[in-house]
Each structure stands twice: as C-alpha cells, then as structure tokens.
Amino acid sequence: MPVKPSDYEEQYFLEQELKRQLDARRQEQAAMALKDKTRLKELHYMHCPKCGQKLLVEHYGKIEVDVCPSCRGLWLDANELETILQSTKQTGPLQKFLKVLGA
C-alpha cells in the first residue's frame, strides 16, 4: 500500500527548495556586486577627484605624491603628510600651513 506524504513533509521539501533558490540568488547578487566594485575601481583608480584626469606620480624624497597635470591638484596617501612634516626641519609659512593640515 503506497504511503502518502504528510502535509508537513511536503512543506519541508518546499521550504528546502526555496532556501536553495534564495542562496543561489544571494550568491549571484554578491558576484555581481563584486564585479561592479571592480569595474568602478578600474574606472576611477588614479584619476583626479576634481577633474577626472589621469594622475601622475612624482617623487619628493621617499614620498610619492599624486599630481593632476590638468588642474595641478596634489593628492597624498595615508600618513604621507605626517612623513613630510617629520622630514622637514624648516620654519616659515609653508611649514606652519602644513602643520595646520596635519593637525
């Protein structure tokens, strides 16, 4: 005599299938988000935030400074300003200005 599955059993397998579909959809969305993030980084990396031109790297001692050839904007990476302040022993308006920026 065939055994008919109970309503709870059918509901359980339906829920399991829905969970699998939801997990697959989440993985697909995560992959798309990573792909979009990578694409945006490729579009904007080493471009001037002000005018969008490609930045050039100039060396000032041991520090690499990103400079925009178009608007002449100057961009520093993390801790580069502190390194500049520690390496310069000058006094004057430029040094005072740099100390204000570093504060």
PDB file of N, CA and C in Angstrom:
ATOM      1  N   MET A   1       0.837  -1.175   0.000  1.00  0.00           N
ATOM      2  CA  MET A   1       0.000   0.000   0.000  1.00  0.00           C
ATOM      3  C   MET A   1       0.888   1.247   0.000  1.00  0.00           C
ATOM      4  N   PRO A   2       0.701   2.146  -0.980  1.00  0.00           N
ATOM      5  CA  PRO A   2       1.530   3.351  -1.061  1.00  0.00           C
ATOM      6  C   PRO A   2       1.255   4.280   0.120  1.00  0.00           C
ATOM      7  N   VAL A   3       2.342   4.928   0.551  1.00  0.00           N
ATOM      8  CA  VAL A   3       2.230   5.859   1.677  1.00  0.00           C
ATOM      9  C   VAL A   3       2.191   7.277   1.125  1.00  0.00           C
ATOM     10  N   LYS A   4       1.160   7.989   1.485  1.00  0.00           N
ATOM     11  CA  LYS A   4       1.006   9.366   1.037  1.00  0.00           C
ATOM     12  C   LYS A   4       1.800  10.268   1.998  1.00  0.00           C
ATOM     13  N   PRO A   5       2.661  11.158   1.450  1.00  0.00           N
ATOM     14  CA  PRO A   5       3.420  12.047   2.323  1.00  0.00           C
ATOM     15  C   PRO A   5       2.480  12.993   3.066  1.00  0.00           C
ATOM     16  N   SER A   6       2.869  13.299   4.269  1.00  0.00           N
ATOM     17  CA  SER A   6       2.038  14.209   5.059  1.00  0.00           C
ATOM     18  C   SER A   6       2.216  15.639   4.559  1.00  0.00           C
ATOM     19  N   ASP A   7       1.300  16.494   4.985  1.00  0.00           N
ATOM     20  CA  ASP A   7       1.395  17.909   4.598  1.00  0.00           C
ATOM     21  C   ASP A   7       2.684  18.532   5.113  1.00  0.00           C
ATOM     22  N   TYR A   8       3.133  18.133   6.300  1.00  0.00           N
ATOM     23  CA  TYR A   8       4.363  18.680   6.876  1.00  0.00           C
ATOM     24  C   TYR A   8       5.580  18.294   6.046  1.00  0.00           C
ATOM     25  N   GLU A   9       5.573  17.087   5.545  1.00  0.00           N
ATOM     26  CA  GLU A   9       6.689  16.604   4.741  1.00  0.00           C
ATOM     27  C   GLU A   9       6.780  17.386   3.428  1.00  0.00           C
ATOM     28  N   GLU A  10       5.665  17.621   2.782  1.00  0.00           N
ATOM     29  CA  GLU A  10       5.654  18.399   1.539  1.00  0.00           C
ATOM     30  C   GLU A  10       6.105  19.829   1.802  1.00  0.00           C
ATOM     31  N   GLN A  11       5.639  20.388   2.899  1.00  0.00           N
ATOM     32  CA  GLN A  11       6.023  21.754   3.260  1.00  0.00           C
ATOM     33  C   GLN A  11       7.532  21.833   3.519  1.00  0.00           C
ATOM     34  N   TYR A  12       8.085  20.840   4.189  1.00  0.00           N
ATOM     35  CA  TYR A  12       9.515  20.806   4.487  1.00  0.00           C
ATOM     36  C   TYR A  12      10.335  20.835   3.199  1.00  0.00           C
ATOM     37  N   PHE A  13      10.011  19.978   2.237  1.00  0.00           N
ATOM     38  CA  PHE A  13      10.765  19.918   0.991  1.00  0.00           C
ATOM     39  C   PHE A  13      10.582  21.183   0.156  1.00  0.00           C
ATOM     40  N   LEU A  14       9.411  21.772   0.218  1.00  0.00           N
ATOM     41  CA  LEU A  14       9.184  23.037  -0.471  1.00  0.00           C
ATOM     42  C   LEU A  14      10.058  24.136   0.138  1.00  0.00           C
ATOM     43  N   GLU A  15      10.128  24.187   1.465  1.00  0.00           N
ATOM     44  CA  GLU A  15      10.966  25.184   2.146  1.00  0.00           C
ATOM     45  C   GLU A  15      12.442  24.973   1.801  1.00  0.00           C
ATOM     46  N   GLN A  16      12.877  23.725   1.731  1.00  0.00           N
ATOM     47  CA  GLN A  16      14.270  23.437   1.391  1.00  0.00           C
ATOM     48  C   GLN A  16      14.594  23.914  -0.025  1.00  0.00           C
ATOM     49  N   GLU A  17      13.684  23.693  -0.940  1.00  0.00           N
ATOM     50  CA  GLU A  17      13.892  24.149  -2.322  1.00  0.00           C
ATOM     51  C   GLU A  17      13.932  25.673  -2.383  1.00  0.00           C
ATOM     52  N   LEU A  18      13.054  26.337  -1.651  1.00  0.00           N
ATOM     53  CA  LEU A  18      13.052  27.805  -1.623  1.00  0.00           C
ATOM     54  C   LEU A  18      14.351  28.343  -1.019  1.00  0.00           C
ATOM     55  N   LYS A  19      14.875  27.684   0.010  1.00  0.00           N
ATOM     56  CA  LYS A  19      16.143  28.097   0.619  1.00  0.00           C
ATOM     57  C   LYS A  19      17.287  27.960  -0.381  1.00  0.00           C
ATOM     58  N   ARG A  20      17.301  26.873  -1.145  1.00  0.00           N
ATOM     59  CA  ARG A  20      18.344  26.689  -2.154  1.00  0.00           C
ATOM     60  C   ARG A  20      18.272  27.779  -3.215  1.00  0.00           C
ATOM     61  N   GLN A  21      17.074  28.114  -3.659  1.00  0.00           N
ATOM     62  CA  GLN A  21      16.910  29.163  -4.658  1.00  0.00           C
ATOM     63  C   GLN A  21      17.354  30.519  -4.106  1.00  0.00           C
ATOM     64  N   LEU A  22      17.007  30.802  -2.853  1.00  0.00           N
ATOM     65  CA  LEU A  22      17.393  32.056  -2.224  1.00  0.00           C
ATOM     66  C   LEU A  22      18.915  32.153  -2.078  1.00  0.00           C
ATOM     67  N   ASP A  23      19.555  31.075  -1.662  1.00  0.00           N
ATOM     68  CA  ASP A  23      21.018  31.060  -1.547  1.00  0.00           C
ATOM     69  C   ASP A  23      21.675  31.280  -2.902  1.00  0.00           C
ATOM     70  N   ALA A  24      21.149  30.647  -3.938  1.00  0.00           N
ATOM     71  CA  ALA A  24      21.700  30.820  -5.286  1.00  0.00           C
ATOM     72  C   ALA A  24      21.552  32.271  -5.733  1.00  0.00           C
ATOM     73  N   ARG A  25      20.418  32.879  -5.449  1.00  0.00           N
ATOM     74  CA  ARG A  25      20.182  34.269  -5.828  1.00  0.00           C
ATOM     75  C   ARG A  25      21.135  35.209  -5.070  1.00  0.00           C
ATOM     76  N   ARG A  26      21.349  34.941  -3.784  1.00  0.00           N
ATOM     77  CA  ARG A  26      22.266  35.771  -2.984  1.00  0.00           C
ATOM     78  C   ARG A  26      23.698  35.656  -3.507  1.00  0.00           C
ATOM     79  N   GLN A  27      24.121  34.458  -3.855  1.00  0.00           N
ATOM     80  CA  GLN A  27      25.464  34.278  -4.397  1.00  0.00           C
ATOM     81  C   GLN A  27      25.616  35.016  -5.723  1.00  0.00           C
ATOM     82  N   GLU A  28      24.585  34.958  -6.527  1.00  0.00           N
ATOM     83  CA  GLU A  28      24.602  35.651  -7.810  1.00  0.00           C
ATOM     84  C   GLU A  28      24.694  37.160  -7.608  1.00  0.00           C
ATOM     85  N   GLN A  29      23.944  37.710  -6.656  1.00  0.00           N
ATOM     86  CA  GLN A  29      23.982  39.142  -6.374  1.00  0.00           C
ATOM     87  C   GLN A  29      25.330  39.560  -5.805  1.00  0.00           C
ATOM     88  N   ALA A  30      25.925  38.731  -4.955  1.00  0.00           N
ATOM     89  CA  ALA A  30      27.235  39.038  -4.392  1.00  0.00           C
ATOM     90  C   ALA A  30      28.295  39.062  -5.492  1.00  0.00           C
ATOM     91  N   ALA A  31      28.214  38.144  -6.422  1.00  0.00           N
ATOM     92  CA  ALA A  31      29.157  38.109  -7.531  1.00  0.00           C
ATOM     93  C   ALA A  31      29.004  39.344  -8.409  1.00  0.00           C
ATOM     94  N   MET A  32      27.764  39.760  -8.647  1.00  0.00           N
ATOM     95  CA  MET A  32      27.524  40.960  -9.453  1.00  0.00           C
ATOM     96  C   MET A  32      28.039  42.212  -8.738  1.00  0.00           C
ATOM     97  N   ALA A  33      27.853  42.284  -7.422  1.00  0.00           N
ATOM     98  CA  ALA A  33      28.321  43.436  -6.649  1.00  0.00           C
ATOM     99  C   ALA A  33      29.843  43.522  -6.699  1.00  0.00           C
ATOM    100  N   LEU A  34      30.516  42.396  -6.582  1.00  0.00           N
ATOM    101  CA  LEU A  34      31.974  42.379  -6.657  1.00  0.00           C
ATOM    102  C   LEU A  34      32.450  42.795  -8.042  1.00  0.00           C
ATOM    103  N   LYS A  35      31.755  42.339  -9.060  1.00  0.00           N
ATOM    104  CA  LYS A  35      32.111  42.699 -10.428  1.00  0.00           C
ATOM    105  C   LYS A  35      31.932  44.208 -10.642  1.00  0.00           C
ATOM    106  N   ASP A  36      30.843  44.778 -10.128  1.00  0.00           N
ATOM    107  CA  ASP A  36      30.608  46.217 -10.241  1.00  0.00           C
ATOM    108  C   ASP A  36      31.666  47.013  -9.482  1.00  0.00           C
ATOM    109  N   LYS A  37      32.031  46.551  -8.299  1.00  0.00           N
ATOM    110  CA  LYS A  37      33.045  47.236  -7.488  1.00  0.00           C
ATOM    111  C   LYS A  37      34.383  47.238  -8.218  1.00  0.00           C
ATOM    112  N   THR A  38      34.738  46.114  -8.803  1.00  0.00           N
ATOM    113  CA  THR A  38      35.992  46.008  -9.552  1.00  0.00           C
ATOM    114  C   THR A  38      35.974  46.936 -10.761  1.00  0.00           C
ATOM    115  N   ARG A  39      34.857  46.990 -11.452  1.00  0.00           N
ATOM    116  CA  ARG A  39      34.744  47.851 -12.637  1.00  0.00           C
ATOM    117  C   ARG A  39      34.867  49.321 -12.254  1.00  0.00           C
ATOM    118  N   LEU A  40      34.216  49.719 -11.156  1.00  0.00           N
ATOM    119  CA  LEU A  40      34.300  51.110 -10.713  1.00  0.00           C
ATOM    120  C   LEU A  40      35.716  51.479 -10.284  1.00  0.00           C
ATOM    121  N   LYS A  41      36.398  50.552  -9.638  1.00  0.00           N
ATOM    122  CA  LYS A  41      37.777  50.833  -9.231  1.00  0.00           C
ATOM    123  C   LYS A  41      38.654  51.035 -10.459  1.00  0.00           C
ATOM    124  N   GLU A  42      38.461  50.196 -11.473  1.00  0.00           N
ATOM    125  CA  GLU A  42      39.247  50.342 -12.700  1.00  0.00           C
ATOM    126  C   GLU A  42      38.970  51.679 -13.378  1.00  0.00           C
ATOM    127  N   LEU A  43      37.739  52.159 -13.310  1.00  0.00           N
ATOM    128  CA  LEU A  43      37.391  53.431 -13.937  1.00  0.00           C
ATOM    129  C   LEU A  43      37.962  54.630 -13.190  1.00  0.00           C
ATOM    130  N   HIS A  44      38.041  54.557 -11.854  1.00  0.00           N
ATOM    131  CA  HIS A  44      38.382  55.728 -11.054  1.00  0.00           C
ATOM    132  C   HIS A  44      39.768  55.699 -10.428  1.00  0.00           C
ATOM    133  N   TYR A  45      40.431  54.560 -10.395  1.00  0.00           N
ATOM    134  CA  TYR A  45      41.727  54.460  -9.730  1.00  0.00           C
ATOM    135  C   TYR A  45      42.751  55.344 -10.422  1.00  0.00           C
ATOM    136  N   MET A  46      43.452  56.140  -9.632  1.00  0.00           N
ATOM    137  CA  MET A  46      44.488  57.067 -10.093  1.00  0.00           C
ATOM    138  C   MET A  46      43.948  58.104 -11.077  1.00  0.00           C
ATOM    139  N   HIS A  47      42.727  58.570 -10.820  1.00  0.00           N
ATOM    140  CA  HIS A  47      42.146  59.676 -11.557  1.00  0.00           C
ATOM    141  C   HIS A  47      41.859  60.806 -10.576  1.00  0.00           C
ATOM    142  N   CYS A  48      42.004  62.019 -11.013  1.00  0.00           N
ATOM    143  CA  CYS A  48      41.806  63.190 -10.168  1.00  0.00           C
ATOM    144  C   CYS A  48      40.348  63.279  -9.715  1.00  0.00           C
ATOM    145  N   PRO A  49      40.121  63.418  -8.403  1.00  0.00           N
ATOM    146  CA  PRO A  49      38.744  63.538  -7.925  1.00  0.00           C
ATOM    147  C   PRO A  49      38.076  64.844  -8.360  1.00  0.00           C
ATOM    148  N   LYS A  50      38.884  65.842  -8.697  1.00  0.00           N
ATOM    149  CA  LYS A  50      38.330  67.145  -9.070  1.00  0.00           C
ATOM    150  C   LYS A  50      37.944  67.205 -10.551  1.00  0.00           C
ATOM    151  N   CYS A  51      38.878  66.824 -11.436  1.00  0.00           N
ATOM    152  CA  CYS A  51      38.605  66.989 -12.867  1.00  0.00           C
ATOM    153  C   CYS A  51      38.576  65.669 -13.648  1.00  0.00           C
ATOM    154  N   GLY A  52      38.990  64.565 -13.038  1.00  0.00           N
ATOM    155  CA  GLY A  52      38.894  63.263 -13.685  1.00  0.00           C
ATOM    156  C   GLY A  52      40.082  62.853 -14.542  1.00  0.00           C
ATOM    157  N   GLN A  53      41.102  63.709 -14.656  1.00  0.00           N
ATOM    158  CA  GLN A  53      42.273  63.371 -15.460  1.00  0.00           C
ATOM    159  C   GLN A  53      43.103  62.294 -14.768  1.00  0.00           C
ATOM    160  N   LYS A  54      43.897  61.586 -15.540  1.00  0.00           N
ATOM    161  CA  LYS A  54      44.794  60.558 -15.004  1.00  0.00           C
ATOM    162  C   LYS A  54      45.889  61.233 -14.181  1.00  0.00           C
ATOM    163  N   LEU A  55      46.104  60.731 -12.944  1.00  0.00           N
ATOM    164  CA  LEU A  55      47.105  61.308 -12.057  1.00  0.00           C
ATOM    165  C   LEU A  55      48.502  60.805 -12.418  1.00  0.00           C
ATOM    166  N   LEU A  56      49.479  61.680 -12.209  1.00  0.00           N
ATOM    167  CA  LEU A  56      50.879  61.327 -12.386  1.00  0.00           C
ATOM    168  C   LEU A  56      51.516  61.191 -11.017  1.00  0.00           C
ATOM    169  N   VAL A  57      52.514  60.341 -10.901  1.00  0.00           N
ATOM    170  CA  VAL A  57      53.209  60.145  -9.634  1.00  0.00           C
ATOM    171  C   VAL A  57      54.530  60.900  -9.698  1.00  0.00           C
ATOM    172  N   GLU A  58      54.749  61.772  -8.720  1.00  0.00           N
ATOM    173  CA  GLU A  58      56.013  62.489  -8.597  1.00  0.00           C
ATOM    174  C   GLU A  58      56.645  62.112  -7.274  1.00  0.00           C
ATOM    175  N   HIS A  59      57.962  62.027  -7.277  1.00  0.00           N
ATOM    176  CA  HIS A  59      58.697  61.632  -6.072  1.00  0.00           C
ATOM    177  C   HIS A  59      59.285  62.872  -5.411  1.00  0.00           C
ATOM    178  N   TYR A  60      59.028  63.014  -4.144  1.00  0.00           N
ATOM    179  CA  TYR A  60      59.616  64.055  -3.319  1.00  0.00           C
ATOM    180  C   TYR A  60      60.344  63.343  -2.189  1.00  0.00           C
ATOM    181  N   GLY A  61      61.621  63.091  -2.396  1.00  0.00           N
ATOM    182  CA  GLY A  61      62.380  62.298  -1.440  1.00  0.00           C
ATOM    183  C   GLY A  61      61.877  60.867  -1.497  1.00  0.00           C
ATOM    184  N   LYS A  62      61.482  60.350  -0.351  1.00  0.00           N
ATOM    185  CA  LYS A  62      60.976  58.976  -0.317  1.00  0.00           C
ATOM    186  C   LYS A  62      59.455  58.905  -0.436  1.00  0.00           C
ATOM    187  N   ILE A  63      58.820  60.043  -0.688  1.00  0.00           N
ATOM    188  CA  ILE A  63      57.359  60.108  -0.741  1.00  0.00           C
ATOM    189  C   ILE A  63      56.893  60.217  -2.189  1.00  0.00           C
ATOM    190  N   GLU A  64      55.889  59.422  -2.524  1.00  0.00           N
ATOM    191  CA  GLU A  64      55.255  59.511  -3.841  1.00  0.00           C
ATOM    192  C   GLU A  64      53.988  60.342  -3.703  1.00  0.00           C
ATOM    193  N   VAL A  65      53.915  61.418  -4.480  1.00  0.00           N
ATOM    194  CA  VAL A  65      52.766  62.318  -4.437  1.00  0.00           C
ATOM    195  C   VAL A  65      52.041  62.218  -5.771  1.00  0.00           C
ATOM    196  N   ASP A  66      50.726  62.104  -5.735  1.00  0.00           N
ATOM    197  CA  ASP A  66      49.921  62.041  -6.950  1.00  0.00           C
ATOM    198  C   ASP A  66      49.555  63.468  -7.352  1.00  0.00           C
ATOM    199  N   VAL A  67      49.871  63.823  -8.600  1.00  0.00           N
ATOM    200  CA  VAL A  67      49.638  65.177  -9.086  1.00  0.00           C
ATOM    201  C   VAL A  67      48.804  65.113 -10.357  1.00  0.00           C
ATOM    202  N   CYS A  68      47.818  66.005 -10.433  1.00  0.00           N
ATOM    203  CA  CYS A  68      46.990  66.092 -11.639  1.00  0.00           C
ATOM    204  C   CYS A  68      47.652  67.058 -12.617  1.00  0.00           C
ATOM    205  N   PRO A  69      47.933  66.623 -13.844  1.00  0.00           N
ATOM    206  CA  PRO A  69      48.564  67.519 -14.811  1.00  0.00           C
ATOM    207  C   PRO A  69      47.616  68.611 -15.309  1.00  0.00           C
ATOM    208  N   SER A  70      46.326  68.422 -15.166  1.00  0.00           N
ATOM    209  CA  SER A  70      45.354  69.384 -15.671  1.00  0.00           C
ATOM    210  C   SER A  70      45.102  70.516 -14.676  1.00  0.00           C
ATOM    211  N   CYS A  71      44.637  70.179 -13.487  1.00  0.00           N
ATOM    212  CA  CYS A  71      44.280  71.218 -12.510  1.00  0.00           C
ATOM    213  C   CYS A  71      45.374  71.436 -11.468  1.00  0.00           C
ATOM    214  N   ARG A  72      46.465  70.673 -11.577  1.00  0.00           N
ATOM    215  CA  ARG A  72      47.605  70.742 -10.660  1.00  0.00           C
ATOM    216  C   ARG A  72      47.223  70.418  -9.219  1.00  0.00           C
ATOM    217  N   GLY A  73      46.194  69.621  -9.045  1.00  0.00           N
ATOM    218  CA  GLY A  73      45.824  69.164  -7.714  1.00  0.00           C
ATOM    219  C   GLY A  73      46.882  68.212  -7.181  1.00  0.00           C
ATOM    220  N   LEU A  74      47.073  68.234  -5.880  1.00  0.00           N
ATOM    221  CA  LEU A  74      48.084  67.416  -5.221  1.00  0.00           C
ATOM    222  C   LEU A  74      47.379  66.484  -4.265  1.00  0.00           C
ATOM    223  N   TRP A  75      47.639  65.188  -4.372  1.00  0.00           N
ATOM    224  CA  TRP A  75      46.927  64.206  -3.569  1.00  0.00           C
ATOM    225  C   TRP A  75      47.935  63.352  -2.815  1.00  0.00           C
ATOM    226  N   LEU A  76      47.716  63.231  -1.511  1.00  0.00           N
ATOM    227  CA  LEU A  76      48.591  62.454  -0.647  1.00  0.00           C
ATOM    228  C   LEU A  76      47.882  61.190  -0.175  1.00  0.00           C
ATOM    229  N   ASP A  77      48.636  60.115  -0.045  1.00  0.00           N
ATOM    230  CA  ASP A  77      48.100  58.880   0.511  1.00  0.00           C
ATOM    231  C   ASP A  77      48.170  58.957   2.033  1.00  0.00           C
ATOM    232  N   ALA A  78      47.671  57.941   2.689  1.00  0.00           N
ATOM    233  CA  ALA A  78      47.630  57.906   4.146  1.00  0.00           C
ATOM    234  C   ALA A  78      49.035  58.070   4.730  1.00  0.00           C
ATOM    235  N   ASN A  79      49.152  58.905   5.740  1.00  0.00           N
ATOM    236  CA  ASN A  79      50.375  59.159   6.519  1.00  0.00           C
ATOM    237  C   ASN A  79      51.476  59.875   5.750  1.00  0.00           C
ATOM    238  N   GLU A  80      51.260  60.262   4.508  1.00  0.00           N
ATOM    239  CA  GLU A  80      52.309  60.967   3.772  1.00  0.00           C
ATOM    240  C   GLU A  80      52.507  62.386   4.293  1.00  0.00           C
ATOM    241  N   LEU A  81      51.449  63.051   4.715  1.00  0.00           N
ATOM    242  CA  LEU A  81      51.590  64.397   5.261  1.00  0.00           C
ATOM    243  C   LEU A  81      52.420  64.364   6.543  1.00  0.00           C
ATOM    244  N   GLU A  82      52.166  63.371   7.401  1.00  0.00           N
ATOM    245  CA  GLU A  82      52.943  63.249   8.634  1.00  0.00           C
ATOM    246  C   GLU A  82      54.417  63.001   8.325  1.00  0.00           C
ATOM    247  N   THR A  83      54.686  62.190   7.298  1.00  0.00           N
ATOM    248  CA  THR A  83      56.060  61.925   6.896  1.00  0.00           C
ATOM    249  C   THR A  83      56.730  63.193   6.403  1.00  0.00           C
ATOM    250  N   ILE A  84      56.012  64.001   5.641  1.00  0.00           N
ATOM    251  CA  ILE A  84      56.560  65.274   5.156  1.00  0.00           C
ATOM    252  C   ILE A  84      56.863  66.194   6.330  1.00  0.00           C
ATOM    253  N   LEU A  85      55.938  66.281   7.271  1.00  0.00           N
ATOM    254  CA  LEU A  85      56.139  67.158   8.426  1.00  0.00           C
ATOM    255  C   LEU A  85      57.330  66.722   9.262  1.00  0.00           C
ATOM    256  N   GLN A  86      57.519  65.428   9.418  1.00  0.00           N
ATOM    257  CA  GLN A  86      58.636  64.930  10.220  1.00  0.00           C
ATOM    258  C   GLN A  86      59.966  65.109   9.499  1.00  0.00           C
ATOM    259  N   SER A  87      59.968  65.028   8.178  1.00  0.00           N
ATOM    260  CA  SER A  87      61.220  65.096   7.430  1.00  0.00           C
ATOM    261  C   SER A  87      61.693  66.526   7.200  1.00  0.00           C
ATOM    262  N   THR A  88      60.806  67.506   7.242  1.00  0.00           N
ATOM    263  CA  THR A  88      61.209  68.889   7.006  1.00  0.00           C
ATOM    264  C   THR A  88      61.518  69.557   8.326  1.00  0.00           C
ATOM    265  N   LYS A  89      62.639  70.240   8.351  1.00  0.00           N
ATOM    266  CA  LYS A  89      63.057  70.947   9.561  1.00  0.00           C
ATOM    267  C   LYS A  89      62.962  72.457   9.357  1.00  0.00           C
ATOM    268  N   GLN A  90      62.226  72.888   8.348  1.00  0.00           N
ATOM    269  CA  GLN A  90      62.115  74.307   8.034  1.00  0.00           C
ATOM    270  C   GLN A  90      61.101  74.989   8.942  1.00  0.00           C
ATOM    271  N   THR A  91      61.206  76.268   8.989  1.00  0.00           N
ATOM    272  CA  THR A  91      60.161  77.073   9.602  1.00  0.00           C
ATOM    273  C   THR A  91      59.729  78.083   8.553  1.00  0.00           C
ATOM    274  N   GLY A  92      58.587  78.596   8.706  1.00  0.00           N
ATOM    275  CA  GLY A  92      58.083  79.560   7.747  1.00  0.00           C
ATOM    276  C   GLY A  92      56.618  79.308   7.468  1.00  0.00           C
ATOM    277  N   PRO A  93      56.051  80.087   6.546  1.00  0.00           N
ATOM    278  CA  PRO A  93      54.610  79.962   6.293  1.00  0.00           C
ATOM    279  C   PRO A  93      54.201  78.602   5.743  1.00  0.00           C
ATOM    280  N   LEU A  94      55.034  77.998   4.898  1.00  0.00           N
ATOM    281  CA  LEU A  94      54.679  76.683   4.352  1.00  0.00           C
ATOM    282  C   LEU A  94      54.656  75.636   5.463  1.00  0.00           C
ATOM    283  N   GLN A  95      55.667  75.653   6.317  1.00  0.00           N
ATOM    284  CA  GLN A  95      55.718  74.686   7.419  1.00  0.00           C
ATOM    285  C   GLN A  95      54.535  74.882   8.346  1.00  0.00           C
ATOM    286  N   LYS A  96      54.161  76.119   8.655  1.00  0.00           N
ATOM    287  CA  LYS A  96      53.008  76.391   9.524  1.00  0.00           C
ATOM    288  C   LYS A  96      51.731  75.896   8.871  1.00  0.00           C
ATOM    289  N   PHE A  97      51.631  76.120   7.557  1.00  0.00           N
ATOM    290  CA  PHE A  97      50.448  75.660   6.815  1.00  0.00           C
ATOM    291  C   PHE A  97      50.348  74.134   6.859  1.00  0.00           C
ATOM    292  N   LEU A  98      51.484  73.467   6.633  1.00  0.00           N
ATOM    293  CA  LEU A  98      51.475  72.003   6.660  1.00  0.00           C
ATOM    294  C   LEU A  98      51.147  71.476   8.042  1.00  0.00           C
ATOM    295  N   LYS A  99      51.584  72.154   9.081  1.00  0.00           N
ATOM    296  CA  LYS A  99      51.269  71.719  10.447  1.00  0.00           C
ATOM    297  C   LYS A  99      49.769  71.861  10.720  1.00  0.00           C
ATOM    298  N   VAL A 100      49.152  72.916  10.184  1.00  0.00           N
ATOM    299  CA  VAL A 100      47.710  73.101  10.338  1.00  0.00           C
ATOM    300  C   VAL A 100      46.973  71.967   9.637  1.00  0.00           C
ATOM    301  N   LEU A 101      47.430  71.581   8.461  1.00  0.00           N
ATOM    302  CA  LEU A 101      46.784  70.480   7.734  1.00  0.00           C
ATOM    303  C   LEU A 101      46.976  69.159   8.459  1.00  0.00           C
ATOM    304  N   GLY A 102      48.116  68.969   9.100  1.00  0.00           N
ATOM    305  CA  GLY A 102      48.394  67.712   9.786  1.00  0.00           C
ATOM    306  C   GLY A 102      47.681  67.581  11.108  1.00  0.00           C
ATOM    307  N   ALA A 103      47.179  68.669  11.654  1.00  0.00           N
ATOM    308  CA  ALA A 103      46.529  68.624  12.968  1.00  0.00           C
ATOM    309  C   ALA A 103      45.198  67.955  12.915  1.00  0.00           C
TER     310      ALA A 103
END
